[in-house]
């Protein structure tokens, strides 16, 4: 079984320290804590949607602003048309 790896650079100030504290509270390594946070934040909890409540709690713990009331009006994506080069 192959495990995927990521490298995270340029963390916001305080993130590493907050991760270290959370890991200590859960008696595990920072790496194990980060894996758990990532998995709970992005994997479905009810078979359909990510665990957004967990995401909100992490933001609050890290002192990030509440973004739950922000609506993003993203433009509709158009289908790419590729030129015939042949």
Protein backbone atom coordinates (compact mmCIF):
# COMPACT_ATOMS: atom_id res chain seq x y z
CA UNK A 1 0.00 0.00 0.00
CA UNK A 2 1.45 3.35 -1.05
CA UNK A 3 0.93 6.33 1.24
CA UNK A 4 0.71 9.85 -0.16
CA UNK A 5 2.91 12.62 1.17
CA UNK A 6 2.59 16.40 1.15
CA UNK A 7 4.90 19.17 2.26
CA UNK A 8 3.31 22.34 3.62
CA UNK A 9 5.35 25.52 3.41
CA UNK A 10 4.73 29.09 4.51
CA UNK A 11 2.35 28.37 7.38
CA UNK A 12 0.65 31.40 8.87
CA UNK A 13 2.25 32.69 12.08
CA UNK A 14 1.25 30.60 15.07
CA UNK A 15 -0.01 27.58 13.13
CA UNK A 16 2.96 25.36 13.95
CA UNK A 17 2.80 26.30 17.64
CA UNK A 18 -0.96 25.64 17.73
CA UNK A 19 -0.40 22.28 16.04
CA UNK A 20 2.30 21.42 18.58
CA UNK A 21 -0.12 22.23 21.45
CA UNK A 22 -2.95 20.18 19.94
CA UNK A 23 -0.59 17.25 19.39
CA UNK A 24 0.58 17.44 22.99
CA UNK A 25 -3.00 17.53 24.25
CA UNK A 26 -3.72 14.35 22.26
CA UNK A 27 -0.38 12.70 23.22
CA UNK A 28 0.78 12.24 19.66
CA UNK A 29 3.29 13.67 17.22
CA UNK A 30 2.67 16.85 15.26
CA UNK A 31 2.67 14.74 12.10
CA UNK A 32 -0.04 12.42 13.48
CA UNK A 33 -2.05 15.45 14.62
CA UNK A 34 -1.78 17.06 11.17
CA UNK A 35 -2.87 13.81 9.48
CA UNK A 36 -5.91 13.58 11.74
CA UNK A 37 -6.86 17.24 11.23
CA UNK A 38 -6.56 16.93 7.46
CA UNK A 39 -8.54 13.70 7.30
CA UNK A 40 -11.36 15.03 9.49
CA UNK A 41 -11.47 18.33 7.60
CA UNK A 42 -11.76 16.92 4.09
CA UNK A 43 -13.16 13.40 4.28
CA UNK A 44 -16.94 12.97 4.25
CA UNK A 45 -18.58 12.52 7.63
CA UNK A 46 -22.03 11.57 6.36
CA UNK A 47 -21.04 10.08 3.03
CA UNK A 48 -21.49 13.36 1.17
CA UNK A 49 -19.96 16.46 2.71
CA UNK A 50 -16.73 17.40 4.47
CA UNK A 51 -16.81 18.01 8.21
CA UNK A 52 -17.30 21.78 8.07
CA UNK A 53 -18.00 22.06 11.79
CA UNK A 54 -14.51 20.70 12.46
CA UNK A 55 -13.09 23.25 10.02
CA UNK A 56 -14.82 26.05 11.93
CA UNK A 57 -13.44 24.82 15.27
CA UNK A 58 -9.90 24.69 13.87
CA UNK A 59 -10.22 28.26 12.61
CA UNK A 60 -11.43 29.45 15.99
CA UNK A 61 -8.58 27.66 17.80
CA UNK A 62 -6.04 29.25 15.48
CA UNK A 63 -7.55 32.71 15.88
CA UNK A 64 -8.74 32.95 12.27
CA UNK A 65 -11.74 35.13 11.44
CA UNK A 66 -15.16 33.51 11.17
CA UNK A 67 -15.94 32.95 7.49
CA UNK A 68 -19.18 31.00 7.89
CA UNK A 69 -21.31 33.90 6.66
CA UNK A 70 -19.28 34.64 3.53
CA UNK A 71 -20.89 33.78 0.22
CA UNK A 72 -18.67 33.42 -2.78
CA UNK A 73 -20.13 34.29 -6.15
CA UNK A 74 -17.79 32.45 -8.44
CA UNK A 75 -18.09 32.85 -12.20
CA UNK A 76 -19.41 29.91 -14.17
CA UNK A 77 -16.64 27.96 -15.79
CA UNK A 78 -16.73 27.58 -19.52
CA UNK A 79 -15.73 24.44 -21.34
CA UNK A 80 -12.24 24.77 -22.73
CA UNK A 81 -11.99 24.79 -26.51
CA UNK A 82 -8.71 23.49 -27.84
CA UNK A 83 -7.52 24.54 -31.30
CA UNK A 84 -7.03 21.88 -33.93
CA UNK A 85 -3.25 21.82 -34.38
CA UNK A 86 -3.21 18.88 -36.76
